[in-house]
C-alpha atoms as a PDB file:
ATOM      1  CA  MET A   1     159.523 128.520 160.154  1.00  0.00           C
ATOM      2  CA  LEU A   2     159.586 125.794 157.768  1.00  0.00           C
ATOM      3  CA  VAL A   3     156.144 127.416 155.703  1.00  0.00           C
ATOM      4  CA  ALA A   4     158.077 131.067 155.992  1.00  0.00           C
ATOM      5  CA  ARG A   5     161.034 129.828 154.193  1.00  0.00           C
ATOM      6  CA  ILE A   6     159.117 127.813 151.776  1.00  0.00           C
ATOM      7  CA  LEU A   7     156.842 130.413 150.390  1.00  0.00           C
ATOM      8  CA  GLY A   8     158.113 133.261 150.893  1.00  0.00           C
ATOM      9  CA  GLY A   9     162.516 131.921 150.625  1.00  0.00           C
ATOM     10  CA  ASP A  10     164.322 132.404 147.546  1.00  0.00           C
ATOM     11  CA  GLY A  11     163.551 130.123 145.404  1.00  0.00           C
ATOM     12  CA  GLU A  12     162.681 129.494 141.441  1.00  0.00           C
ATOM     13  CA  ALA A  13     159.245 129.292 141.101  1.00  0.00           C
ATOM     14  CA  PRO A  14     157.583 132.781 141.657  1.00  0.00           C
ATOM     15  CA  PRO A  15     155.996 132.987 145.316  1.00  0.00           C
ATOM     16  CA  ALA A  16     152.696 133.990 143.845  1.00  0.00           C
ATOM     17  CA  TRP A  17     152.546 129.950 142.645  1.00  0.00           C
ATOM     18  CA  ARG A  18     154.409 128.804 145.697  1.00  0.00           C
ATOM     19  CA  ARG A  19     151.407 129.951 147.479  1.00  0.00           C
ATOM     20  CA  ALA A  20     148.739 128.981 145.689  1.00  0.00           C
ATOM     21  CA  ALA A  21     150.491 125.866 145.397  1.00  0.00           C
ATOM     22  CA  PHE A  22     150.255 125.459 149.010  1.00  0.00           C
ATOM     23  CA  ASP A  23     146.358 126.751 148.880  1.00  0.00           C
ATOM     24  CA  ASN A  24     145.751 124.501 146.884  1.00  0.00           C
ATOM     25  CA  SER A  25     143.829 126.913 144.465  1.00  0.00           C
ATOM     26  CA  GLY A  26     144.651 129.312 141.668  1.00  0.00           C
ATOM     27  CA  LEU A  27     146.888 127.555 139.531  1.00  0.00           C
ATOM     28  CA  ALA A  28     146.428 126.792 136.249  1.00  0.00           C
ATOM     29  CA  GLU A  29     146.874 123.373 134.114  1.00  0.00           C
ATOM     30  CA  PRO A  30     148.672 121.200 134.455  1.00  0.00           C
ATOM     31  CA  LEU A  31     150.508 122.693 137.902  1.00  0.00           C
ATOM     32  CA  SER A  32     146.590 122.662 139.047  1.00  0.00           C
ATOM     33  CA  ALA A  33     146.353 118.909 138.166  1.00  0.00           C
ATOM     34  CA  LEU A  34     149.630 118.254 139.519  1.00  0.00           C
ATOM     35  CA  VAL A  35     148.941 119.820 143.173  1.00  0.00           C
ATOM     36  CA  ASP A  36     145.572 118.517 143.450  1.00  0.00           C
ATOM     37  CA  LYS A  37     147.284 114.804 142.932  1.00  0.00           C
ATOM     38  CA  VAL A  38     149.832 115.776 145.488  1.00  0.00           C
ATOM     39  CA  ALA A  39     147.529 117.544 147.783  1.00  0.00           C
ATOM     40  CA  ARG A  40     144.793 114.220 147.758  1.00  0.00           C
ATOM     41  CA  HIS A  41     146.516 110.949 146.275  1.00  0.00           C
ATOM     42  CA  ALA A  42     150.465 111.903 146.266  1.00  0.00           C
ATOM     43  CA  HIS A  43     151.382 108.124 146.158  1.00  0.00           C
ATOM     44  CA  ARG A  44     149.582 108.195 142.348  1.00  0.00           C
ATOM     45  CA  VAL A  45     151.933 110.996 141.018  1.00  0.00           C
ATOM     46  CA  THR A  46     153.524 109.723 138.036  1.00  0.00           C
ATOM     47  CA  ASP A  47     156.146 110.520 135.870  1.00  0.00           C
ATOM     48  CA  GLN A  48     153.507 111.630 133.510  1.00  0.00           C
ATOM     49  CA  ASP A  49     152.300 113.837 135.819  1.00  0.00           C
ATOM     50  CA  ILE A  50     155.690 115.433 136.420  1.00  0.00           C
ATOM     51  CA  ALA A  51     156.751 115.295 132.669  1.00  0.00           C
ATOM     52  CA  ALA A  52     153.275 117.278 131.655  1.00  0.00           C
ATOM     53  CA  ALA A  53     154.324 120.302 134.408  1.00  0.00           C
ATOM     54  CA  LYS A  54     157.827 120.604 132.650  1.00  0.00           C
ATOM     55  CA  ALA A  55     156.462 120.661 129.167  1.00  0.00           C
ATOM     56  CA  SER A  56     154.745 123.759 129.808  1.00  0.00           C
ATOM     57  CA  GLY A  57     157.617 125.626 130.275  1.00  0.00           C
ATOM     58  CA  LEU A  58     158.651 124.879 134.034  1.00  0.00           C
ATOM     59  CA  SER A  59     161.972 123.608 135.145  1.00  0.00           C
ATOM     60  CA  GLU A  60     162.721 120.760 136.745  1.00  0.00           C
ATOM     61  CA  ASP A  61     163.583 122.984 140.099  1.00  0.00           C
ATOM     62  CA  GLN A  62     160.296 124.754 139.730  1.00  0.00           C
ATOM     63  CA  VAL A  63     158.530 121.779 139.690  1.00  0.00           C
ATOM     64  CA  PHE A  64     160.184 120.611 142.636  1.00  0.00           C
ATOM     65  CA  GLU A  65     159.484 123.532 144.556  1.00  0.00           C
ATOM     66  CA  ILE A  66     155.833 123.653 143.596  1.00  0.00           C
ATOM     67  CA  VAL A  67     155.305 119.961 144.407  1.00  0.00           C
ATOM     68  CA  VAL A  68     157.055 120.503 148.253  1.00  0.00           C
ATOM     69  CA  CYS A  69     154.704 123.590 148.554  1.00  0.00           C
ATOM     70  CA  ALA A  70     151.619 121.479 147.470  1.00  0.00           C
ATOM     71  CA  ALA A  71     152.543 118.860 150.059  1.00  0.00           C
ATOM     72  CA  VAL A  72     153.361 121.148 153.244  1.00  0.00           C
ATOM     73  CA  GLY A  73     150.188 123.097 152.298  1.00  0.00           C
ATOM     74  CA  GLN A  74     148.256 119.672 152.730  1.00  0.00           C
ATOM     75  CA  ALA A  75     149.710 118.616 155.717  1.00  0.00           C
ATOM     76  CA  THR A  76     149.362 121.927 157.333  1.00  0.00           C
ATOM     77  CA  ARG A  77     145.772 121.582 156.610  1.00  0.00           C
ATOM     78  CA  SER A  78     145.367 118.502 157.994  1.00  0.00           C
ATOM     79  CA  THR A  79     147.441 119.093 161.301  1.00  0.00           C
ATOM     80  CA  ARG A  80     145.101 122.144 162.141  1.00  0.00           C
ATOM     81  CA  ARG A  81     141.908 120.318 161.084  1.00  0.00           C
ATOM     82  CA  ARG A  82     143.391 117.643 163.487  1.00  0.00           C
ATOM     83  CA  LEU A  83     144.098 119.923 166.277  1.00  0.00           C
ATOM     84  CA  GLN A  84     140.694 122.247 166.259  1.00  0.00           C
ATOM     85  CA  SER A  85     138.896 118.699 166.558  1.00  0.00           C
END
């Protein structure tokens, strides 16, 4: 239910961007770098990473939604891997 809501529900970021962030693929820079960092090393995300995404023309709400989708996508992949092993 959470995944369906963040990917298909109302939001500021287009659904295609949210899906790409969830899947960690198909986004242009600087979003690609931000999403990958959230997925692989979330503790290393800096204010500069967020500022770069906003400087590319995204609103703060759009950046937030993209980051949430990236984090939930990574958590979903990790959970599936653990359940399959």
